[in-house]
Amino acid sequence: MTRHRHAATPPKEAKLFRNNRSQAVRIPVEFELPGDKVLISSEGDRLVIEPVRKSGLTALLAQWAKEPPLDSEDDFPEIDDGPVKPENIF
């Protein structure tokens, strides 16, 4: 019998099938993952499937910190934004 070191739940057999040229696996409901994308990797003869986590505010701020600051007028387009002309609406 195979030992599963990291399994929090007992293993369950799943069905493999073809979807066009790709092989797919039907995941039982008790192993359902959130979202609509996963990361898949292999460890020897094992496949590891994990959900793609949405980036939070911290990741967004870190990404912005890597970008150069907008400090010159060349970074902004010219906009003709004069005062509003009065209109007679009656």
PDB file of N, CA and C in Angstrom:
ATOM      1  N   MET A   1       0.840  -1.181   0.000  1.00  0.00           N
ATOM      2  CA  MET A   1       0.000   0.000   0.000  1.00  0.00           C
ATOM      3  C   MET A   1       0.881   1.238   0.000  1.00  0.00           C
ATOM      4  N   THR A   2       0.548   2.238  -0.826  1.00  0.00           N
ATOM      5  CA  THR A   2       1.316   3.462  -0.945  1.00  0.00           C
ATOM      6  C   THR A   2       1.028   4.380   0.234  1.00  0.00           C
ATOM      7  N   ARG A   3       2.073   4.990   0.787  1.00  0.00           N
ATOM      8  CA  ARG A   3       1.894   5.926   1.895  1.00  0.00           C
ATOM      9  C   ARG A   3       1.828   7.336   1.334  1.00  0.00           C
ATOM     10  N   HIS A   4       0.878   8.126   1.795  1.00  0.00           N
ATOM     11  CA  HIS A   4       0.699   9.508   1.368  1.00  0.00           C
ATOM     12  C   HIS A   4       1.052  10.413   2.537  1.00  0.00           C
ATOM     13  N   ARG A   5       2.252  10.979   2.503  1.00  0.00           N
ATOM     14  CA  ARG A   5       2.768  11.759   3.619  1.00  0.00           C
ATOM     15  C   ARG A   5       1.989  13.041   3.870  1.00  0.00           C
ATOM     16  N   HIS A   6       1.551  13.743   2.814  1.00  0.00           N
ATOM     17  CA  HIS A   6       0.960  15.060   2.963  1.00  0.00           C
ATOM     18  C   HIS A   6      -0.566  15.064   2.840  1.00  0.00           C
ATOM     19  N   ALA A   7      -1.162  13.915   2.727  1.00  0.00           N
ATOM     20  CA  ALA A   7      -2.604  13.868   2.503  1.00  0.00           C
ATOM     21  C   ALA A   7      -3.363  14.179   3.795  1.00  0.00           C
ATOM     22  N   ALA A   8      -4.215  15.213   3.747  1.00  0.00           N
ATOM     23  CA  ALA A   8      -5.063  15.556   4.887  1.00  0.00           C
ATOM     24  C   ALA A   8      -6.323  14.708   4.854  1.00  0.00           C
ATOM     25  N   THR A   9      -6.709  14.260   3.678  1.00  0.00           N
ATOM     26  CA  THR A   9      -7.860  13.366   3.520  1.00  0.00           C
ATOM     27  C   THR A   9      -7.365  12.111   2.807  1.00  0.00           C
ATOM     28  N   PRO A  10      -8.061  11.021   2.994  1.00  0.00           N
ATOM     29  CA  PRO A  10      -7.616   9.799   2.304  1.00  0.00           C
ATOM     30  C   PRO A  10      -7.711   9.962   0.788  1.00  0.00           C
ATOM     31  N   PRO A  11      -6.806   9.340   0.052  1.00  0.00           N
ATOM     32  CA  PRO A  11      -6.865   9.449  -1.411  1.00  0.00           C
ATOM     33  C   PRO A  11      -8.141   8.819  -1.950  1.00  0.00           C
ATOM     34  N   LYS A  12      -8.578   9.341  -3.090  1.00  0.00           N
ATOM     35  CA  LYS A  12      -9.777   8.821  -3.744  1.00  0.00           C
ATOM     36  C   LYS A  12      -9.459   8.678  -5.227  1.00  0.00           C
ATOM     37  N   GLU A  13      -9.932   7.611  -5.827  1.00  0.00           N
ATOM     38  CA  GLU A  13      -9.697   7.391  -7.251  1.00  0.00           C
ATOM     39  C   GLU A  13     -10.504   8.390  -8.071  1.00  0.00           C
ATOM     40  N   ALA A  14      -9.877   8.918  -9.138  1.00  0.00           N
ATOM     41  CA  ALA A  14     -10.547   9.881 -10.016  1.00  0.00           C
ATOM     42  C   ALA A  14     -10.447   9.391 -11.452  1.00  0.00           C
ATOM     43  N   LYS A  15     -11.328   9.872 -12.281  1.00  0.00           N
ATOM     44  CA  LYS A  15     -11.424   9.444 -13.672  1.00  0.00           C
ATOM     45  C   LYS A  15     -10.578  10.349 -14.564  1.00  0.00           C
ATOM     46  N   LEU A  16      -9.803   9.760 -15.463  1.00  0.00           N
ATOM     47  CA  LEU A  16      -9.057  10.492 -16.490  1.00  0.00           C
ATOM     48  C   LEU A  16      -9.839  10.411 -17.790  1.00  0.00           C
ATOM     49  N   PHE A  17      -9.781  11.488 -18.579  1.00  0.00           N
ATOM     50  CA  PHE A  17     -10.449  11.484 -19.881  1.00  0.00           C
ATOM     51  C   PHE A  17      -9.720  12.438 -20.810  1.00  0.00           C
ATOM     52  N   ARG A  18     -10.073  12.395 -22.069  1.00  0.00           N
ATOM     53  CA  ARG A  18      -9.473  13.257 -23.088  1.00  0.00           C
ATOM     54  C   ARG A  18     -10.374  14.448 -23.349  1.00  0.00           C
ATOM     55  N   ASN A  19      -9.763  15.621 -23.469  1.00  0.00           N
ATOM     56  CA  ASN A  19     -10.463  16.840 -23.858  1.00  0.00           C
ATOM     57  C   ASN A  19      -9.646  17.419 -25.009  1.00  0.00           C
ATOM     58  N   ASN A  20     -10.071  17.139 -26.229  1.00  0.00           N
ATOM     59  CA  ASN A  20      -9.293  17.438 -27.441  1.00  0.00           C
ATOM     60  C   ASN A  20      -7.951  16.734 -27.333  1.00  0.00           C
ATOM     61  N   ARG A  21      -6.841  17.478 -27.363  1.00  0.00           N
ATOM     62  CA  ARG A  21      -5.522  16.852 -27.313  1.00  0.00           C
ATOM     63  C   ARG A  21      -4.942  16.811 -25.909  1.00  0.00           C
ATOM     64  N   SER A  22      -5.699  17.260 -24.917  1.00  0.00           N
ATOM     65  CA  SER A  22      -5.215  17.284 -23.539  1.00  0.00           C
ATOM     66  C   SER A  22      -5.845  16.162 -22.720  1.00  0.00           C
ATOM     67  N   GLN A  23      -5.086  15.691 -21.751  1.00  0.00           N
ATOM     68  CA  GLN A  23      -5.650  14.748 -20.801  1.00  0.00           C
ATOM     69  C   GLN A  23      -6.217  15.559 -19.644  1.00  0.00           C
ATOM     70  N   ALA A  24      -7.366  15.169 -19.130  1.00  0.00           N
ATOM     71  CA  ALA A  24      -8.016  15.887 -18.036  1.00  0.00           C
ATOM     72  C   ALA A  24      -8.359  14.904 -16.936  1.00  0.00           C
ATOM     73  N   VAL A  25      -8.565  15.450 -15.751  1.00  0.00           N
ATOM     74  CA  VAL A  25      -8.953  14.629 -14.617  1.00  0.00           C
ATOM     75  C   VAL A  25     -10.243  15.191 -14.026  1.00  0.00           C
ATOM     76  N   ARG A  26     -11.171  14.309 -13.700  1.00  0.00           N
ATOM     77  CA  ARG A  26     -12.428  14.718 -13.081  1.00  0.00           C
ATOM     78  C   ARG A  26     -12.186  14.736 -11.574  1.00  0.00           C
ATOM     79  N   ILE A  27     -12.205  15.940 -10.991  1.00  0.00           N
ATOM     80  CA  ILE A  27     -11.883  16.099  -9.573  1.00  0.00           C
ATOM     81  C   ILE A  27     -13.137  15.875  -8.733  1.00  0.00           C
ATOM     82  N   PRO A  28     -13.080  14.948  -7.772  1.00  0.00           N
ATOM     83  CA  PRO A  28     -14.238  14.723  -6.905  1.00  0.00           C
ATOM     84  C   PRO A  28     -14.582  15.983  -6.105  1.00  0.00           C
ATOM     85  N   VAL A  29     -15.844  16.136  -5.749  1.00  0.00           N
ATOM     86  CA  VAL A  29     -16.349  17.348  -5.108  1.00  0.00           C
ATOM     87  C   VAL A  29     -15.604  17.668  -3.808  1.00  0.00           C
ATOM     88  N   GLU A  30     -15.201  16.658  -3.061  1.00  0.00           N
ATOM     89  CA  GLU A  30     -14.517  16.939  -1.797  1.00  0.00           C
ATOM     90  C   GLU A  30     -13.109  17.525  -1.984  1.00  0.00           C
ATOM     91  N   PHE A  31     -12.588  17.487  -3.222  1.00  0.00           N
ATOM     92  CA  PHE A  31     -11.291  18.071  -3.526  1.00  0.00           C
ATOM     93  C   PHE A  31     -11.425  19.328  -4.389  1.00  0.00           C
ATOM     94  N   GLU A  32     -12.640  19.830  -4.526  1.00  0.00           N
ATOM     95  CA  GLU A  32     -12.907  20.987  -5.386  1.00  0.00           C
ATOM     96  C   GLU A  32     -12.019  22.175  -4.992  1.00  0.00           C
ATOM     97  N   LEU A  33     -11.496  22.862  -6.008  1.00  0.00           N
ATOM     98  CA  LEU A  33     -10.612  24.010  -5.797  1.00  0.00           C
ATOM     99  C   LEU A  33     -11.351  25.304  -6.121  1.00  0.00           C
ATOM    100  N   PRO A  34     -11.002  26.394  -5.449  1.00  0.00           N
ATOM    101  CA  PRO A  34     -11.643  27.675  -5.752  1.00  0.00           C
ATOM    102  C   PRO A  34     -11.091  28.257  -7.058  1.00  0.00           C
ATOM    103  N   GLY A  35     -11.852  29.156  -7.658  1.00  0.00           N
ATOM    104  CA  GLY A  35     -11.387  29.859  -8.857  1.00  0.00           C
ATOM    105  C   GLY A  35     -11.578  29.056 -10.123  1.00  0.00           C
ATOM    106  N   ASP A  36     -10.932  29.549 -11.203  1.00  0.00           N
ATOM    107  CA  ASP A  36     -11.056  28.869 -12.490  1.00  0.00           C
ATOM    108  C   ASP A  36      -9.699  28.548 -13.111  1.00  0.00           C
ATOM    109  N   LYS A  37      -8.620  28.726 -12.332  1.00  0.00           N
ATOM    110  CA  LYS A  37      -7.279  28.377 -12.810  1.00  0.00           C
ATOM    111  C   LYS A  37      -6.517  27.671 -11.697  1.00  0.00           C
ATOM    112  N   VAL A  38      -5.602  26.792 -12.096  1.00  0.00           N
ATOM    113  CA  VAL A  38      -4.740  26.095 -11.149  1.00  0.00           C
ATOM    114  C   VAL A  38      -3.304  26.127 -11.641  1.00  0.00           C
ATOM    115  N   LEU A  39      -2.390  25.881 -10.721  1.00  0.00           N
ATOM    116  CA  LEU A  39      -0.993  25.653 -11.063  1.00  0.00           C
ATOM    117  C   LEU A  39      -0.773  24.154 -10.963  1.00  0.00           C
ATOM    118  N   ILE A  40      -0.066  23.594 -11.930  1.00  0.00           N
ATOM    119  CA  ILE A  40       0.205  22.159 -11.908  1.00  0.00           C
ATOM    120  C   ILE A  40       1.705  21.960 -12.033  1.00  0.00           C
ATOM    121  N   SER A  41       2.250  21.071 -11.215  1.00  0.00           N
ATOM    122  CA  SER A  41       3.675  20.759 -11.269  1.00  0.00           C
ATOM    123  C   SER A  41       3.832  19.275 -10.971  1.00  0.00           C
ATOM    124  N   SER A  42       5.024  18.763 -11.204  1.00  0.00           N
ATOM    125  CA  SER A  42       5.253  17.352 -10.921  1.00  0.00           C
ATOM    126  C   SER A  42       6.388  17.216  -9.916  1.00  0.00           C
ATOM    127  N   GLU A  43       6.251  16.223  -9.066  1.00  0.00           N
ATOM    128  CA  GLU A  43       7.278  15.838  -8.101  1.00  0.00           C
ATOM    129  C   GLU A  43       7.506  14.347  -8.304  1.00  0.00           C
ATOM    130  N   GLY A  44       8.487  14.029  -9.122  1.00  0.00           N
ATOM    131  CA  GLY A  44       8.697  12.619  -9.473  1.00  0.00           C
ATOM    132  C   GLY A  44       7.534  12.142 -10.312  1.00  0.00           C
ATOM    133  N   ASP A  45       6.864  11.068  -9.853  1.00  0.00           N
ATOM    134  CA  ASP A  45       5.715  10.549 -10.602  1.00  0.00           C
ATOM    135  C   ASP A  45       4.393  11.084 -10.059  1.00  0.00           C
ATOM    136  N   ARG A  46       4.446  12.097  -9.187  1.00  0.00           N
ATOM    137  CA  ARG A  46       3.230  12.688  -8.613  1.00  0.00           C
ATOM    138  C   ARG A  46       2.946  14.030  -9.273  1.00  0.00           C
ATOM    139  N   LEU A  47       1.664  14.332  -9.458  1.00  0.00           N
ATOM    140  CA  LEU A  47       1.242  15.648  -9.934  1.00  0.00           C
ATOM    141  C   LEU A  47       0.708  16.436  -8.756  1.00  0.00           C
ATOM    142  N   VAL A  48       1.069  17.708  -8.698  1.00  0.00           N
ATOM    143  CA  VAL A  48       0.579  18.586  -7.645  1.00  0.00           C
ATOM    144  C   VAL A  48      -0.272  19.659  -8.315  1.00  0.00           C
ATOM    145  N   ILE A  49      -1.521  19.775  -7.879  1.00  0.00           N
ATOM    146  CA  ILE A  49      -2.439  20.771  -8.434  1.00  0.00           C
ATOM    147  C   ILE A  49      -2.841  21.695  -7.295  1.00  0.00           C
ATOM    148  N   GLU A  50      -2.628  23.003  -7.484  1.00  0.00           N
ATOM    149  CA  GLU A  50      -2.989  23.963  -6.446  1.00  0.00           C
ATOM    150  C   GLU A  50      -3.672  25.171  -7.080  1.00  0.00           C
ATOM    151  N   PRO A  51      -4.582  25.807  -6.339  1.00  0.00           N
ATOM    152  CA  PRO A  51      -5.303  26.946  -6.906  1.00  0.00           C
ATOM    153  C   PRO A  51      -4.377  28.138  -7.121  1.00  0.00           C
ATOM    154  N   VAL A  52      -4.693  28.938  -8.135  1.00  0.00           N
ATOM    155  CA  VAL A  52      -3.987  30.201  -8.347  1.00  0.00           C
ATOM    156  C   VAL A  52      -4.632  31.199  -7.402  1.00  0.00           C
ATOM    157  N   ARG A  53      -3.851  31.721  -6.509  1.00  0.00           N
ATOM    158  CA  ARG A  53      -4.370  32.674  -5.524  1.00  0.00           C
ATOM    159  C   ARG A  53      -4.404  34.058  -6.145  1.00  0.00           C
ATOM    160  N   LYS A  54      -5.478  34.794  -5.871  1.00  0.00           N
ATOM    161  CA  LYS A  54      -5.577  36.165  -6.358  1.00  0.00           C
ATOM    162  C   LYS A  54      -4.598  37.031  -5.573  1.00  0.00           C
ATOM    163  N   SER A  55      -3.956  37.933  -6.276  1.00  0.00           N
ATOM    164  CA  SER A  55      -3.035  38.845  -5.615  1.00  0.00           C
ATOM    165  C   SER A  55      -3.816  39.827  -4.767  1.00  0.00           C
ATOM    166  N   GLY A  56      -3.327  40.089  -3.594  1.00  0.00           N
ATOM    167  CA  GLY A  56      -3.974  41.039  -2.703  1.00  0.00           C
ATOM    168  C   GLY A  56      -3.402  42.433  -2.883  1.00  0.00           C
ATOM    169  N   LEU A  57      -3.803  43.332  -2.020  1.00  0.00           N
ATOM    170  CA  LEU A  57      -3.371  44.718  -2.073  1.00  0.00           C
ATOM    171  C   LEU A  57      -1.857  44.833  -1.894  1.00  0.00           C
ATOM    172  N   THR A  58      -1.281  44.021  -1.034  1.00  0.00           N
ATOM    173  CA  THR A  58       0.163  44.076  -0.804  1.00  0.00           C
ATOM    174  C   THR A  58       0.929  43.777  -2.091  1.00  0.00           C
ATOM    175  N   ALA A  59       0.489  42.772  -2.854  1.00  0.00           N
ATOM    176  CA  ALA A  59       1.156  42.426  -4.113  1.00  0.00           C
ATOM    177  C   ALA A  59       1.009  43.551  -5.126  1.00  0.00           C
ATOM    178  N   LEU A  60      -0.160  44.186  -5.176  1.00  0.00           N
ATOM    179  CA  LEU A  60      -0.380  45.291  -6.097  1.00  0.00           C
ATOM    180  C   LEU A  60       0.533  46.467  -5.758  1.00  0.00           C
ATOM    181  N   LEU A  61       0.628  46.811  -4.489  1.00  0.00           N
ATOM    182  CA  LEU A  61       1.496  47.916  -4.075  1.00  0.00           C
ATOM    183  C   LEU A  61       2.966  47.606  -4.362  1.00  0.00           C
ATOM    184  N   ALA A  62       3.372  46.361  -4.161  1.00  0.00           N
ATOM    185  CA  ALA A  62       4.748  45.965  -4.467  1.00  0.00           C
ATOM    186  C   ALA A  62       5.034  46.089  -5.955  1.00  0.00           C
ATOM    187  N   GLN A  63       4.055  45.740  -6.790  1.00  0.00           N
ATOM    188  CA  GLN A  63       4.218  45.866  -8.241  1.00  0.00           C
ATOM    189  C   GLN A  63       4.354  47.332  -8.628  1.00  0.00           C
ATOM    190  N   TRP A  64       3.529  48.194  -8.042  1.00  0.00           N
ATOM    191  CA  TRP A  64       3.607  49.625  -8.337  1.00  0.00           C
ATOM    192  C   TRP A  64       4.945  50.206  -7.891  1.00  0.00           C
ATOM    193  N   ALA A  65       5.491  49.707  -6.788  1.00  0.00           N
ATOM    194  CA  ALA A  65       6.764  50.223  -6.276  1.00  0.00           C
ATOM    195  C   ALA A  65       7.904  49.942  -7.259  1.00  0.00           C
ATOM    196  N   LYS A  66       7.789  48.896  -8.068  1.00  0.00           N
ATOM    197  CA  LYS A  66       8.822  48.544  -9.044  1.00  0.00           C
ATOM    198  C   LYS A  66       8.797  49.451 -10.269  1.00  0.00           C
ATOM    199  N   GLU A  67       7.667  50.102 -10.532  1.00  0.00           N
ATOM    200  CA  GLU A  67       7.522  50.936 -11.725  1.00  0.00           C
ATOM    201  C   GLU A  67       8.134  52.310 -11.470  1.00  0.00           C
ATOM    202  N   PRO A  68       8.715  52.922 -12.512  1.00  0.00           N
ATOM    203  CA  PRO A  68       9.288  54.254 -12.324  1.00  0.00           C
ATOM    204  C   PRO A  68       8.195  55.278 -12.025  1.00  0.00           C
ATOM    205  N   PRO A  69       8.518  56.285 -11.209  1.00  0.00           N
ATOM    206  CA  PRO A  69       7.511  57.289 -10.874  1.00  0.00           C
ATOM    207  C   PRO A  69       7.163  58.168 -12.075  1.00  0.00           C
ATOM    208  N   LEU A  70       5.964  58.720 -12.062  1.00  0.00           N
ATOM    209  CA  LEU A  70       5.530  59.663 -13.092  1.00  0.00           C
ATOM    210  C   LEU A  70       5.934  61.059 -12.623  1.00  0.00           C
ATOM    211  N   ASP A  71       7.105  61.516 -13.075  1.00  0.00           N
ATOM    212  CA  ASP A  71       7.576  62.796 -12.556  1.00  0.00           C
ATOM    213  C   ASP A  71       7.846  63.842 -13.635  1.00  0.00           C
ATOM    214  N   SER A  72       7.558  63.543 -14.874  1.00  0.00           N
ATOM    215  CA  SER A  72       7.765  64.553 -15.900  1.00  0.00           C
ATOM    216  C   SER A  72       6.460  64.819 -16.633  1.00  0.00           C
ATOM    217  N   GLU A  73       6.371  65.996 -17.239  1.00  0.00           N
ATOM    218  CA  GLU A  73       5.156  66.365 -17.969  1.00  0.00           C
ATOM    219  C   GLU A  73       4.959  65.497 -19.202  1.00  0.00           C
ATOM    220  N   ASP A  74       6.031  64.869 -19.677  1.00  0.00           N
ATOM    221  CA  ASP A  74       5.927  63.996 -20.845  1.00  0.00           C
ATOM    222  C   ASP A  74       5.108  62.746 -20.549  1.00  0.00           C
ATOM    223  N   ASP A  75       4.944  62.412 -19.275  1.00  0.00           N
ATOM    224  CA  ASP A  75       4.205  61.217 -18.902  1.00  0.00           C
ATOM    225  C   ASP A  75       2.694  61.399 -19.022  1.00  0.00           C
ATOM    226  N   PHE A  76       2.237  62.654 -19.133  1.00  0.00           N
ATOM    227  CA  PHE A  76       0.807  62.933 -19.165  1.00  0.00           C
ATOM    228  C   PHE A  76       0.431  63.611 -20.484  1.00  0.00           C
ATOM    229  N   PRO A  77      -0.666  63.204 -21.118  1.00  0.00           N
ATOM    230  CA  PRO A  77      -1.089  63.844 -22.376  1.00  0.00           C
ATOM    231  C   PRO A  77      -1.697  65.215 -22.104  1.00  0.00           C
ATOM    232  N   GLU A  78      -1.640  66.085 -23.111  1.00  0.00           N
ATOM    233  CA  GLU A  78      -2.289  67.394 -23.011  1.00  0.00           C
ATOM    234  C   GLU A  78      -3.790  67.208 -23.139  1.00  0.00           C
ATOM    235  N   ILE A  79      -4.538  67.850 -22.276  1.00  0.00           N
ATOM    236  CA  ILE A  79      -5.995  67.757 -22.300  1.00  0.00           C
ATOM    237  C   ILE A  79      -6.554  69.172 -22.301  1.00  0.00           C
ATOM    238  N   ASP A  80      -7.407  69.451 -23.273  1.00  0.00           N
ATOM    239  CA  ASP A  80      -8.070  70.758 -23.329  1.00  0.00           C
ATOM    240  C   ASP A  80      -9.265  70.682 -22.393  1.00  0.00           C
ATOM    241  N   ASP A  81      -9.081  71.182 -21.198  1.00  0.00           N
ATOM    242  CA  ASP A  81     -10.109  71.080 -20.165  1.00  0.00           C
ATOM    243  C   ASP A  81     -10.423  72.476 -19.638  1.00  0.00           C
ATOM    244  N   GLY A  82     -11.010  73.286 -20.524  1.00  0.00           N
ATOM    245  CA  GLY A  82     -11.352  74.652 -20.157  1.00  0.00           C
ATOM    246  C   GLY A  82     -12.613  74.699 -19.306  1.00  0.00           C
ATOM    247  N   PRO A  83     -12.992  75.909 -18.894  1.00  0.00           N
ATOM    248  CA  PRO A  83     -14.204  76.035 -18.084  1.00  0.00           C
ATOM    249  C   PRO A  83     -15.452  75.643 -18.876  1.00  0.00           C
ATOM    250  N   VAL A  84     -16.446  75.197 -18.158  1.00  0.00           N
ATOM    251  CA  VAL A  84     -17.706  74.793 -18.768  1.00  0.00           C
ATOM    252  C   VAL A  84     -18.467  76.022 -19.227  1.00  0.00           C
ATOM    253  N   LYS A  85     -19.002  75.965 -20.457  1.00  0.00           N
ATOM    254  CA  LYS A  85     -19.784  77.093 -20.981  1.00  0.00           C
ATOM    255  C   LYS A  85     -21.198  77.017 -20.416  1.00  0.00           C
ATOM    256  N   PRO A  86     -21.770  78.157 -20.015  1.00  0.00           N
ATOM    257  CA  PRO A  86     -23.132  78.115 -19.483  1.00  0.00           C
ATOM    258  C   PRO A  86     -24.134  77.714 -20.571  1.00  0.00           C
ATOM    259  N   GLU A  87     -25.141  76.961 -20.176  1.00  0.00           N
ATOM    260  CA  GLU A  87     -26.179  76.526 -21.095  1.00  0.00           C
ATOM    261  C   GLU A  87     -27.534  76.933 -20.536  1.00  0.00           C
ATOM    262  N   ASN A  88     -28.440  77.299 -21.434  1.00  0.00           N
ATOM    263  CA  ASN A  88     -29.806  77.591 -21.034  1.00  0.00           C
ATOM    264  C   ASN A  88     -30.597  76.297 -21.199  1.00  0.00           C
ATOM    265  N   ILE A  89     -30.965  75.679 -20.087  1.00  0.00           N
ATOM    266  CA  ILE A  89     -31.645  74.394 -20.146  1.00  0.00           C
ATOM    267  C   ILE A  89     -33.168  74.541 -20.107  1.00  0.00           C
ATOM    268  N   PHE A  90     -33.665  75.777 -20.044  1.00  0.00           N
ATOM    269  CA  PHE A  90     -35.129  75.990 -20.018  1.00  0.00           C
ATOM    270  C   PHE A  90     -35.598  76.627 -21.276  1.00  0.00           C
TER     271      PHE A  90
END
